[in-house]
Amino acid sequence: MSDDTLNTIKDQIANNPVLLYMKGNPNQPMCGFSAQTVQAVMNCGKRFAYVDILSNPDIREKLKEYANWPTFPQLWVNGELIGGCDIVTEMAGNGELQQLIDEAVPESEAS
């Protein structure tokens, strides 16, 4: 696997305050875990970026190593891996996700 893929991942994480690596896209998630996670993020009402790992197999494989996290989806906020579906939905339920995303994304960038 090339360094280009690793550099792409690093750029994506660095240049997007809220980034979701998922199966499919926000309008058409391709698995239940991605669907639950994207809904939790969308409910926060702020813009976020996503990468469909199904159409980017190099990123899918390299990200597992880079993040030391074997499963998808993966939510990254301000360059930090927050976690997958269980963690994100739990944080959404207790209000932590909204606070985290509000701090990461200025009000002017509401969706």
PDB file of N, CA and C in Angstrom:
ATOM      1  N   MET A   1       0.848  -1.183   0.000  1.00  0.00           N
ATOM      2  CA  MET A   1       0.000   0.000   0.000  1.00  0.00           C
ATOM      3  C   MET A   1       0.890   1.242   0.000  1.00  0.00           C
ATOM      4  N   SER A   2       0.502   2.201  -0.755  1.00  0.00           N
ATOM      5  CA  SER A   2       1.380   3.347  -0.989  1.00  0.00           C
ATOM      6  C   SER A   2       1.302   4.390   0.118  1.00  0.00           C
ATOM      7  N   ASP A   3       2.361   5.181   0.178  1.00  0.00           N
ATOM      8  CA  ASP A   3       2.359   6.318   1.088  1.00  0.00           C
ATOM      9  C   ASP A   3       1.326   7.346   0.654  1.00  0.00           C
ATOM     10  N   ASP A   4       0.978   7.346  -0.637  1.00  0.00           N
ATOM     11  CA  ASP A   4      -0.034   8.278  -1.136  1.00  0.00           C
ATOM     12  C   ASP A   4      -1.360   8.085  -0.407  1.00  0.00           C
ATOM     13  N   THR A   5      -1.731   6.838  -0.174  1.00  0.00           N
ATOM     14  CA  THR A   5      -2.987   6.551   0.524  1.00  0.00           C
ATOM     15  C   THR A   5      -2.922   7.077   1.957  1.00  0.00           C
ATOM     16  N   LEU A   6      -1.815   6.843   2.622  1.00  0.00           N
ATOM     17  CA  LEU A   6      -1.649   7.338   3.981  1.00  0.00           C
ATOM     18  C   LEU A   6      -1.689   8.862   4.011  1.00  0.00           C
ATOM     19  N   ASN A   7      -1.037   9.506   3.058  1.00  0.00           N
ATOM     20  CA  ASN A   7      -1.066  10.968   2.984  1.00  0.00           C
ATOM     21  C   ASN A   7      -2.465  11.486   2.708  1.00  0.00           C
ATOM     22  N   THR A   8      -3.223  10.783   1.882  1.00  0.00           N
ATOM     23  CA  THR A   8      -4.608  11.162   1.613  1.00  0.00           C
ATOM     24  C   THR A   8      -5.428  11.113   2.891  1.00  0.00           C
ATOM     25  N   ILE A   9      -5.287  10.042   3.652  1.00  0.00           N
ATOM     26  CA  ILE A   9      -6.004   9.905   4.926  1.00  0.00           C
ATOM     27  C   ILE A   9      -5.635  11.040   5.875  1.00  0.00           C
ATOM     28  N   LYS A  10      -4.345  11.291   6.008  1.00  0.00           N
ATOM     29  CA  LYS A  10      -3.895  12.365   6.902  1.00  0.00           C
ATOM     30  C   LYS A  10      -4.459  13.716   6.475  1.00  0.00           C
ATOM     31  N   ASP A  11      -4.471  13.976   5.162  1.00  0.00           N
ATOM     32  CA  ASP A  11      -5.036  15.229   4.644  1.00  0.00           C
ATOM     33  C   ASP A  11      -6.529  15.324   4.931  1.00  0.00           C
ATOM     34  N   GLN A  12      -7.243  14.235   4.710  1.00  0.00           N
ATOM     35  CA  GLN A  12      -8.687  14.236   4.962  1.00  0.00           C
ATOM     36  C   GLN A  12      -8.978  14.550   6.426  1.00  0.00           C
ATOM     37  N   ILE A  13      -8.256  13.920   7.313  1.00  0.00           N
ATOM     38  CA  ILE A  13      -8.477  14.115   8.746  1.00  0.00           C
ATOM     39  C   ILE A  13      -8.085  15.532   9.160  1.00  0.00           C
ATOM     40  N   ALA A  14      -6.979  16.042   8.621  1.00  0.00           N
ATOM     41  CA  ALA A  14      -6.493  17.367   8.990  1.00  0.00           C
ATOM     42  C   ALA A  14      -7.383  18.487   8.446  1.00  0.00           C
ATOM     43  N   ASN A  15      -7.985  18.266   7.279  1.00  0.00           N
ATOM     44  CA  ASN A  15      -8.708  19.339   6.603  1.00  0.00           C
ATOM     45  C   ASN A  15     -10.219  19.334   6.819  1.00  0.00           C
ATOM     46  N   ASN A  16     -10.708  18.410   7.621  1.00  0.00           N
ATOM     47  CA  ASN A  16     -12.143  18.333   7.887  1.00  0.00           C
ATOM     48  C   ASN A  16     -12.368  18.221   9.392  1.00  0.00           C
ATOM     49  N   PRO A  17     -12.948  19.261   9.997  1.00  0.00           N
ATOM     50  CA  PRO A  17     -13.137  19.214  11.450  1.00  0.00           C
ATOM     51  C   PRO A  17     -14.016  18.052  11.900  1.00  0.00           C
ATOM     52  N   VAL A  18     -14.990  17.671  11.084  1.00  0.00           N
ATOM     53  CA  VAL A  18     -15.825  16.502  11.383  1.00  0.00           C
ATOM     54  C   VAL A  18     -15.818  15.629  10.133  1.00  0.00           C
ATOM     55  N   LEU A  19     -15.317  14.416  10.291  1.00  0.00           N
ATOM     56  CA  LEU A  19     -15.145  13.508   9.157  1.00  0.00           C
ATOM     57  C   LEU A  19     -15.646  12.128   9.543  1.00  0.00           C
ATOM     58  N   LEU A  20     -16.507  11.578   8.701  1.00  0.00           N
ATOM     59  CA  LEU A  20     -17.053  10.250   8.941  1.00  0.00           C
ATOM     60  C   LEU A  20     -16.618   9.316   7.822  1.00  0.00           C
ATOM     61  N   TYR A  21     -15.870   8.289   8.190  1.00  0.00           N
ATOM     62  CA  TYR A  21     -15.556   7.214   7.257  1.00  0.00           C
ATOM     63  C   TYR A  21     -16.671   6.190   7.421  1.00  0.00           C
ATOM     64  N   MET A  22     -17.386   5.932   6.333  1.00  0.00           N
ATOM     65  CA  MET A  22     -18.574   5.096   6.435  1.00  0.00           C
ATOM     66  C   MET A  22     -18.738   4.219   5.203  1.00  0.00           C
ATOM     67  N   LYS A  23     -19.665   3.284   5.295  1.00  0.00           N
ATOM     68  CA  LYS A  23     -20.028   2.456   4.151  1.00  0.00           C
ATOM     69  C   LYS A  23     -21.216   3.120   3.473  1.00  0.00           C
ATOM     70  N   GLY A  24     -20.995   3.589   2.241  1.00  0.00           N
ATOM     71  CA  GLY A  24     -22.033   4.299   1.515  1.00  0.00           C
ATOM     72  C   GLY A  24     -21.878   5.800   1.702  1.00  0.00           C
ATOM     73  N   ASN A  25     -23.004   6.517   1.590  1.00  0.00           N
ATOM     74  CA  ASN A  25     -22.981   7.962   1.788  1.00  0.00           C
ATOM     75  C   ASN A  25     -24.136   8.358   2.691  1.00  0.00           C
ATOM     76  N   PRO A  26     -24.145   9.588   3.176  1.00  0.00           N
ATOM     77  CA  PRO A  26     -25.184   9.976   4.141  1.00  0.00           C
ATOM     78  C   PRO A  26     -26.618   9.765   3.635  1.00  0.00           C
ATOM     79  N   ASN A  27     -26.840   9.898   2.332  1.00  0.00           N
ATOM     80  CA  ASN A  27     -28.184   9.703   1.788  1.00  0.00           C
ATOM     81  C   ASN A  27     -28.508   8.239   1.515  1.00  0.00           C
ATOM     82  N   GLN A  28     -27.474   7.407   1.444  1.00  0.00           N
ATOM     83  CA  GLN A  28     -27.678   5.996   1.170  1.00  0.00           C
ATOM     84  C   GLN A  28     -26.615   5.157   1.882  1.00  0.00           C
ATOM     85  N   PRO A  29     -26.705   5.077   3.215  1.00  0.00           N
ATOM     86  CA  PRO A  29     -25.751   4.235   3.952  1.00  0.00           C
ATOM     87  C   PRO A  29     -25.893   2.778   3.518  1.00  0.00           C
ATOM     88  N   MET A  30     -24.778   2.082   3.486  1.00  0.00           N
ATOM     89  CA  MET A  30     -24.777   0.701   3.000  1.00  0.00           C
ATOM     90  C   MET A  30     -24.688  -0.333   4.124  1.00  0.00           C
ATOM     91  N   CYS A  31     -24.823   0.099   5.363  1.00  0.00           N
ATOM     92  CA  CYS A  31     -24.931  -0.844   6.476  1.00  0.00           C
ATOM     93  C   CYS A  31     -25.652  -0.149   7.630  1.00  0.00           C
ATOM     94  N   GLY A  32     -26.214  -0.931   8.502  1.00  0.00           N
ATOM     95  CA  GLY A  32     -26.979  -0.380   9.621  1.00  0.00           C
ATOM     96  C   GLY A  32     -26.142   0.469  10.564  1.00  0.00           C
ATOM     97  N   PHE A  33     -24.898   0.068  10.786  1.00  0.00           N
ATOM     98  CA  PHE A  33     -24.045   0.837  11.690  1.00  0.00           C
ATOM     99  C   PHE A  33     -23.731   2.209  11.100  1.00  0.00           C
ATOM    100  N   SER A  34     -23.443   2.241   9.804  1.00  0.00           N
ATOM    101  CA  SER A  34     -23.205   3.532   9.149  1.00  0.00           C
ATOM    102  C   SER A  34     -24.471   4.383   9.179  1.00  0.00           C
ATOM    103  N   ALA A  35     -25.630   3.765   8.975  1.00  0.00           N
ATOM    104  CA  ALA A  35     -26.899   4.496   8.998  1.00  0.00           C
ATOM    105  C   ALA A  35     -27.141   5.140  10.364  1.00  0.00           C
ATOM    106  N   GLN A  36     -26.922   4.384  11.424  1.00  0.00           N
ATOM    107  CA  GLN A  36     -27.122   4.922  12.779  1.00  0.00           C
ATOM    108  C   GLN A  36     -26.144   6.052  13.075  1.00  0.00           C
ATOM    109  N   THR A  37     -24.905   5.858  12.679  1.00  0.00           N
ATOM    110  CA  THR A  37     -23.872   6.846  12.972  1.00  0.00           C
ATOM    111  C   THR A  37     -24.107   8.129  12.195  1.00  0.00           C
ATOM    112  N   VAL A  38     -24.402   8.026  10.906  1.00  0.00           N
ATOM    113  CA  VAL A  38     -24.614   9.227  10.102  1.00  0.00           C
ATOM    114  C   VAL A  38     -25.846   9.982  10.596  1.00  0.00           C
ATOM    115  N   GLN A  39     -26.864   9.272  11.056  1.00  0.00           N
ATOM    116  CA  GLN A  39     -28.053   9.947  11.580  1.00  0.00           C
ATOM    117  C   GLN A  39     -27.706  10.731  12.850  1.00  0.00           C
ATOM    118  N   ALA A  40     -26.907  10.141  13.707  1.00  0.00           N
ATOM    119  CA  ALA A  40     -26.495  10.827  14.938  1.00  0.00           C
ATOM    120  C   ALA A  40     -25.717  12.101  14.616  1.00  0.00           C
ATOM    121  N   VAL A  41     -24.820  12.016  13.629  1.00  0.00           N
ATOM    122  CA  VAL A  41     -24.024  13.179  13.245  1.00  0.00           C
ATOM    123  C   VAL A  41     -24.915  14.228  12.570  1.00  0.00           C
ATOM    124  N   MET A  42     -25.786  13.788  11.681  1.00  0.00           N
ATOM    125  CA  MET A  42     -26.678  14.719  10.993  1.00  0.00           C
ATOM    126  C   MET A  42     -27.599  15.454  11.977  1.00  0.00           C
ATOM    127  N   ASN A  43     -28.013  14.776  13.028  1.00  0.00           N
ATOM    128  CA  ASN A  43     -28.894  15.391  14.025  1.00  0.00           C
ATOM    129  C   ASN A  43     -28.231  16.557  14.745  1.00  0.00           C
ATOM    130  N   CYS A  44     -26.909  16.647  14.677  1.00  0.00           N
ATOM    131  CA  CYS A  44     -26.197  17.757  15.315  1.00  0.00           C
ATOM    132  C   CYS A  44     -26.339  19.045  14.501  1.00  0.00           C
ATOM    133  N   GLY A  45     -26.766  18.934  13.253  1.00  0.00           N
ATOM    134  CA  GLY A  45     -27.082  20.109  12.449  1.00  0.00           C
ATOM    135  C   GLY A  45     -25.892  20.897  11.921  1.00  0.00           C
ATOM    136  N   LYS A  46     -24.744  20.276  11.846  1.00  0.00           N
ATOM    137  CA  LYS A  46     -23.555  20.955  11.336  1.00  0.00           C
ATOM    138  C   LYS A  46     -23.030  20.211  10.118  1.00  0.00           C
ATOM    139  N   ARG A  47     -22.274  20.960   9.293  1.00  0.00           N
ATOM    140  CA  ARG A  47     -21.660  20.328   8.122  1.00  0.00           C
ATOM    141  C   ARG A  47     -20.605  19.326   8.575  1.00  0.00           C
ATOM    142  N   PHE A  48     -20.503  18.263   7.799  1.00  0.00           N
ATOM    143  CA  PHE A  48     -19.446  17.285   8.041  1.00  0.00           C
ATOM    144  C   PHE A  48     -19.061  16.660   6.714  1.00  0.00           C
ATOM    145  N   ALA A  49     -17.853  16.138   6.677  1.00  0.00           N
ATOM    146  CA  ALA A  49     -17.365  15.454   5.487  1.00  0.00           C
ATOM    147  C   ALA A  49     -17.509  13.950   5.699  1.00  0.00           C
ATOM    148  N   TYR A  50     -17.542  13.227   4.592  1.00  0.00           N
ATOM    149  CA  TYR A  50     -17.580  11.771   4.699  1.00  0.00           C
ATOM    150  C   TYR A  50     -16.735  11.176   3.575  1.00  0.00           C
ATOM    151  N   VAL A  51     -16.303   9.953   3.811  1.00  0.00           N
ATOM    152  CA  VAL A  51     -15.603   9.175   2.800  1.00  0.00           C
ATOM    153  C   VAL A  51     -16.277   7.807   2.755  1.00  0.00           C
ATOM    154  N   ASP A  52     -16.707   7.415   1.563  1.00  0.00           N
ATOM    155  CA  ASP A  52     -17.293   6.093   1.356  1.00  0.00           C
ATOM    156  C   ASP A  52     -16.153   5.095   1.208  1.00  0.00           C
ATOM    157  N   ILE A  53     -15.955   4.296   2.230  1.00  0.00           N
ATOM    158  CA  ILE A  53     -14.836   3.349   2.205  1.00  0.00           C
ATOM    159  C   ILE A  53     -15.074   2.194   1.243  1.00  0.00           C
ATOM    160  N   LEU A  54     -16.328   1.973   0.854  1.00  0.00           N
ATOM    161  CA  LEU A  54     -16.604   0.901  -0.107  1.00  0.00           C
ATOM    162  C   LEU A  54     -16.077   1.256  -1.500  1.00  0.00           C
ATOM    163  N   SER A  55     -16.101   2.530  -1.837  1.00  0.00           N
ATOM    164  CA  SER A  55     -15.578   2.934  -3.145  1.00  0.00           C
ATOM    165  C   SER A  55     -14.113   3.366  -3.056  1.00  0.00           C
ATOM    166  N   ASN A  56     -13.523   3.266  -1.876  1.00  0.00           N
ATOM    167  CA  ASN A  56     -12.112   3.599  -1.659  1.00  0.00           C
ATOM    168  C   ASN A  56     -11.428   2.466  -0.886  1.00  0.00           C
ATOM    169  N   PRO A  57     -11.226   1.309  -1.530  1.00  0.00           N
ATOM    170  CA  PRO A  57     -10.676   0.157  -0.798  1.00  0.00           C
ATOM    171  C   PRO A  57      -9.285   0.389  -0.221  1.00  0.00           C
ATOM    172  N   ASP A  58      -8.455   1.195  -0.879  1.00  0.00           N
ATOM    173  CA  ASP A  58      -7.125   1.478  -0.326  1.00  0.00           C
ATOM    174  C   ASP A  58      -7.246   2.219   1.001  1.00  0.00           C
ATOM    175  N   ILE A  59      -8.125   3.213   1.033  1.00  0.00           N
ATOM    176  CA  ILE A  59      -8.340   3.959   2.273  1.00  0.00           C
ATOM    177  C   ILE A  59      -8.925   3.038   3.336  1.00  0.00           C
ATOM    178  N   ARG A  60      -9.854   2.194   2.943  1.00  0.00           N
ATOM    179  CA  ARG A  60     -10.478   1.267   3.889  1.00  0.00           C
ATOM    180  C   ARG A  60      -9.420   0.429   4.611  1.00  0.00           C
ATOM    181  N   GLU A  61      -8.485  -0.123   3.860  1.00  0.00           N
ATOM    182  CA  GLU A  61      -7.466  -0.985   4.462  1.00  0.00           C
ATOM    183  C   GLU A  61      -6.437  -0.182   5.265  1.00  0.00           C
ATOM    184  N   LYS A  62      -5.947   0.909   4.704  1.00  0.00           N
ATOM    185  CA  LYS A  62      -4.890   1.679   5.350  1.00  0.00           C
ATOM    186  C   LYS A  62      -5.399   2.370   6.612  1.00  0.00           C
ATOM    187  N   LEU A  63      -6.656   2.812   6.595  1.00  0.00           N
ATOM    188  CA  LEU A  63      -7.213   3.512   7.754  1.00  0.00           C
ATOM    189  C   LEU A  63      -7.292   2.602   8.975  1.00  0.00           C
ATOM    190  N   LYS A  64      -7.566   1.324   8.759  1.00  0.00           N
ATOM    191  CA  LYS A  64      -7.602   0.380   9.883  1.00  0.00           C
ATOM    192  C   LYS A  64      -6.270   0.391  10.633  1.00  0.00           C
ATOM    193  N   GLU A  65      -5.176   0.402   9.864  1.00  0.00           N
ATOM    194  CA  GLU A  65      -3.844   0.429  10.465  1.00  0.00           C
ATOM    195  C   GLU A  65      -3.555   1.789  11.106  1.00  0.00           C
ATOM    196  N   TYR A  66      -3.836   2.849  10.353  1.00  0.00           N
ATOM    197  CA  TYR A  66      -3.531   4.197  10.825  1.00  0.00           C
ATOM    198  C   TYR A  66      -4.268   4.508  12.126  1.00  0.00           C
ATOM    199  N   ALA A  67      -5.546   4.153  12.174  1.00  0.00           N
ATOM    200  CA  ALA A  67      -6.367   4.465  13.337  1.00  0.00           C
ATOM    201  C   ALA A  67      -6.232   3.435  14.445  1.00  0.00           C
ATOM    202  N   ASN A  68      -5.675   2.270  14.105  1.00  0.00           N
ATOM    203  CA  ASN A  68      -5.650   1.154  15.045  1.00  0.00           C
ATOM    204  C   ASN A  68      -7.074   0.847  15.516  1.00  0.00           C
ATOM    205  N   TRP A  69      -7.999   0.912  14.561  1.00  0.00           N
ATOM    206  CA  TRP A  69      -9.421   0.672  14.824  1.00  0.00           C
ATOM    207  C   TRP A  69      -9.927  -0.163  13.655  1.00  0.00           C
ATOM    208  N   PRO A  70     -10.335  -1.412  13.880  1.00  0.00           N
ATOM    209  CA  PRO A  70     -10.577  -2.335  12.770  1.00  0.00           C
ATOM    210  C   PRO A  70     -11.922  -2.211  12.062  1.00  0.00           C
ATOM    211  N   THR A  71     -12.856  -1.467  12.634  1.00  0.00           N
ATOM    212  CA  THR A  71     -14.211  -1.470  12.084  1.00  0.00           C
ATOM    213  C   THR A  71     -14.634  -0.101  11.567  1.00  0.00           C
ATOM    214  N   PHE A  72     -15.728  -0.108  10.822  1.00  0.00           N
ATOM    215  CA  PHE A  72     -16.331   1.112  10.295  1.00  0.00           C
ATOM    216  C   PHE A  72     -17.801   1.108  10.659  1.00  0.00           C
ATOM    217  N   PRO A  73     -18.371   2.275  10.826  1.00  0.00           N
ATOM    218  CA  PRO A  73     -17.855   3.616  10.557  1.00  0.00           C
ATOM    219  C   PRO A  73     -16.851   4.078  11.611  1.00  0.00           C
ATOM    220  N   GLN A  74     -16.136   5.161  11.243  1.00  0.00           N
ATOM    221  CA  GLN A  74     -15.217   5.840  12.160  1.00  0.00           C
ATOM    222  C   GLN A  74     -15.508   7.328  12.088  1.00  0.00           C
ATOM    223  N   LEU A  75     -15.746   7.929  13.235  1.00  0.00           N
ATOM    224  CA  LEU A  75     -15.956   9.372  13.301  1.00  0.00           C
ATOM    225  C   LEU A  75     -14.701  10.031  13.859  1.00  0.00           C
ATOM    226  N   TRP A  76     -14.228  11.036  13.112  1.00  0.00           N
ATOM    227  CA  TRP A  76     -13.060  11.824  13.508  1.00  0.00           C
ATOM    228  C   TRP A  76     -13.510  13.263  13.723  1.00  0.00           C
ATOM    229  N   VAL A  77     -13.108  13.859  14.831  1.00  0.00           N
ATOM    230  CA  VAL A  77     -13.424  15.259  15.116  1.00  0.00           C
ATOM    231  C   VAL A  77     -12.133  15.958  15.524  1.00  0.00           C
ATOM    232  N   ASN A  78     -11.831  17.027  14.800  1.00  0.00           N
ATOM    233  CA  ASN A  78     -10.600  17.797  15.042  1.00  0.00           C
ATOM    234  C   ASN A  78      -9.366  16.904  15.106  1.00  0.00           C
ATOM    235  N   GLY A  79      -9.283  15.980  14.153  1.00  0.00           N
ATOM    236  CA  GLY A  79      -8.097  15.135  14.042  1.00  0.00           C
ATOM    237  C   GLY A  79      -8.029  13.972  15.010  1.00  0.00           C
ATOM    238  N   GLU A  80      -9.065  13.782  15.809  1.00  0.00           N
ATOM    239  CA  GLU A  80      -9.059  12.719  16.819  1.00  0.00           C
ATOM    240  C   GLU A  80     -10.145  11.698  16.508  1.00  0.00           C
ATOM    241  N   LEU A  81      -9.783  10.426  16.571  1.00  0.00           N
ATOM    242  CA  LEU A  81     -10.761   9.368  16.386  1.00  0.00           C
ATOM    243  C   LEU A  81     -11.687   9.335  17.600  1.00  0.00           C
ATOM    244  N   ILE A  82     -12.967   9.524  17.353  1.00  0.00           N
ATOM    245  CA  ILE A  82     -13.954   9.475  18.431  1.00  0.00           C
ATOM    246  C   ILE A  82     -14.407   8.041  18.657  1.00  0.00           C
ATOM    247  N   GLY A  83     -14.679   7.332  17.559  1.00  0.00           N
ATOM    248  CA  GLY A  83     -15.070   5.934  17.677  1.00  0.00           C
ATOM    249  C   GLY A  83     -16.037   5.535  16.591  1.00  0.00           C
ATOM    250  N   GLY A  84     -16.668   4.390  16.819  1.00  0.00           N
ATOM    251  CA  GLY A  84     -17.609   3.830  15.868  1.00  0.00           C
ATOM    252  C   GLY A  84     -19.048   4.032  16.311  1.00  0.00           C
ATOM    253  N   CYS A  85     -19.908   3.207  15.779  1.00  0.00           N
ATOM    254  CA  CYS A  85     -21.342   3.362  15.966  1.00  0.00           C
ATOM    255  C   CYS A  85     -21.754   3.384  17.435  1.00  0.00           C
ATOM    256  N   ASP A  86     -21.317   2.421  18.214  1.00  0.00           N
ATOM    257  CA  ASP A  86     -21.743   2.343  19.616  1.00  0.00           C
ATOM    258  C   ASP A  86     -21.353   3.592  20.400  1.00  0.00           C
ATOM    259  N   ILE A  87     -20.120   4.031  20.222  1.00  0.00           N
ATOM    260  CA  ILE A  87     -19.628   5.201  20.953  1.00  0.00           C
ATOM    261  C   ILE A  87     -20.368   6.456  20.497  1.00  0.00           C
ATOM    262  N   VAL A  88     -20.525   6.622  19.186  1.00  0.00           N
ATOM    263  CA  VAL A  88     -21.171   7.820  18.652  1.00  0.00           C
ATOM    264  C   VAL A  88     -22.630   7.889  19.084  1.00  0.00           C
ATOM    265  N   THR A  89     -23.348   6.772  19.005  1.00  0.00           N
ATOM    266  CA  THR A  89     -24.763   6.803  19.391  1.00  0.00           C
ATOM    267  C   THR A  89     -24.921   7.024  20.897  1.00  0.00           C
ATOM    268  N   GLU A  90     -24.018   6.489  21.674  1.00  0.00           N
ATOM    269  CA  GLU A  90     -24.058   6.744  23.120  1.00  0.00           C
ATOM    270  C   GLU A  90     -23.808   8.223  23.409  1.00  0.00           C
ATOM    271  N   MET A  91     -22.810   8.789  22.728  1.00  0.00           N
ATOM    272  CA  MET A  91     -22.510  10.216  22.916  1.00  0.00           C
ATOM    273  C   MET A  91     -23.667  11.091  22.450  1.00  0.00           C
ATOM    274  N   ALA A  92     -24.338  10.680  21.379  1.00  0.00           N
ATOM    275  CA  ALA A  92     -25.501  11.431  20.889  1.00  0.00           C
ATOM    276  C   ALA A  92     -26.609  11.404  21.931  1.00  0.00           C
ATOM    277  N   GLY A  93     -26.783  10.260  22.567  1.00  0.00           N
ATOM    278  CA  GLY A  93     -27.843  10.107  23.563  1.00  0.00           C
ATOM    279  C   GLY A  93     -27.637  10.933  24.813  1.00  0.00           C
ATOM    280  N   ASN A  94     -26.384  11.159  25.192  1.00  0.00           N
ATOM    281  CA  ASN A  94     -26.138  11.909  26.422  1.00  0.00           C
ATOM    282  C   ASN A  94     -25.720  13.360  26.171  1.00  0.00           C
ATOM    283  N   GLY A  95     -25.750  13.790  24.903  1.00  0.00           N
ATOM    284  CA  GLY A  95     -25.459  15.184  24.578  1.00  0.00           C
ATOM    285  C   GLY A  95     -24.002  15.500  24.303  1.00  0.00           C
ATOM    286  N   GLU A  96     -23.116  14.548  24.531  1.00  0.00           N
ATOM    287  CA  GLU A  96     -21.684  14.806  24.326  1.00  0.00           C
ATOM    288  C   GLU A  96     -21.343  15.040  22.859  1.00  0.00           C
ATOM    289  N   LEU A  97     -22.022  14.342  21.956  1.00  0.00           N
ATOM    290  CA  LEU A  97     -21.714  14.474  20.532  1.00  0.00           C
ATOM    291  C   LEU A  97     -22.050  15.877  20.041  1.00  0.00           C
ATOM    292  N   GLN A  98     -23.216  16.376  20.432  1.00  0.00           N
ATOM    293  CA  GLN A  98     -23.614  17.724  20.021  1.00  0.00           C
ATOM    294  C   GLN A  98     -22.591  18.750  20.495  1.00  0.00           C
ATOM    295  N   GLN A  99     -22.170  18.640  21.733  1.00  0.00           N
ATOM    296  CA  GLN A  99     -21.191  19.578  22.292  1.00  0.00           C
ATOM    297  C   GLN A  99     -19.867  19.486  21.538  1.00  0.00           C
ATOM    298  N   LEU A 100     -19.412  18.280  21.274  1.00  0.00           N
ATOM    299  CA  LEU A 100     -18.148  18.066  20.574  1.00  0.00           C
ATOM    300  C   LEU A 100     -18.193  18.665  19.164  1.00  0.00           C
ATOM    301  N   ILE A 101     -19.259  18.410  18.451  1.00  0.00           N
ATOM    302  CA  ILE A 101     -19.381  18.919  17.087  1.00  0.00           C
ATOM    303  C   ILE A 101     -19.597  20.428  17.091  1.00  0.00           C
ATOM    304  N   ASP A 102     -20.357  20.948  18.032  1.00  0.00           N
ATOM    305  CA  ASP A 102     -20.536  22.404  18.132  1.00  0.00           C
ATOM    306  C   ASP A 102     -19.199  23.110  18.340  1.00  0.00           C
ATOM    307  N   GLU A 103     -18.327  22.510  19.139  1.00  0.00           N
ATOM    308  CA  GLU A 103     -17.008  23.100  19.391  1.00  0.00           C
ATOM    309  C   GLU A 103     -16.118  23.012  18.151  1.00  0.00           C
ATOM    310  N   ALA A 104     -16.314  21.978  17.336  1.00  0.00           N
ATOM    311  CA  ALA A 104     -15.459  21.752  16.169  1.00  0.00           C
ATOM    312  C   ALA A 104     -15.886  22.563  14.951  1.00  0.00           C
ATOM    313  N   VAL A 105     -17.183  22.846  14.832  1.00  0.00           N
ATOM    314  CA  VAL A 105     -17.711  23.493  13.640  1.00  0.00           C
ATOM    315  C   VAL A 105     -18.358  24.826  14.025  1.00  0.00           C
ATOM    316  N   PRO A 106     -17.865  25.921  13.464  1.00  0.00           N
ATOM    317  CA  PRO A 106     -18.441  27.226  13.771  1.00  0.00           C
ATOM    318  C   PRO A 106     -19.921  27.287  13.394  1.00  0.00           C
ATOM    319  N   GLU A 107     -20.663  28.122  14.102  1.00  0.00           N
ATOM    320  CA  GLU A 107     -22.099  28.266  13.856  1.00  0.00           C
ATOM    321  C   GLU A 107     -22.380  28.644  12.408  1.00  0.00           C
ATOM    322  N   SER A 108     -21.481  29.384  11.792  1.00  0.00           N
ATOM    323  CA  SER A 108     -21.678  29.806  10.406  1.00  0.00           C
ATOM    324  C   SER A 108     -21.660  28.629   9.431  1.00  0.00           C
ATOM    325  N   GLU A 109     -21.228  27.466   9.904  1.00  0.00           N
ATOM    326  CA  GLU A 109     -21.158  26.291   9.034  1.00  0.00           C
ATOM    327  C   GLU A 109     -22.234  25.277   9.372  1.00  0.00           C
ATOM    328  N   ALA A 110     -23.349  25.738   9.916  1.00  0.00           N
ATOM    329  CA  ALA A 110     -24.466  24.835  10.161  1.00  0.00           C
ATOM    330  C   ALA A 110     -24.976  24.324   8.820  1.00  0.00           C
ATOM    331  N   SER A 111     -25.497  23.122   8.824  1.00  0.00           N
ATOM    332  CA  SER A 111     -25.955  22.546   7.549  1.00  0.00           C
ATOM    333  C   SER A 111     -27.302  23.085   7.124  1.00  0.00           C
TER     334      SER A 111
END
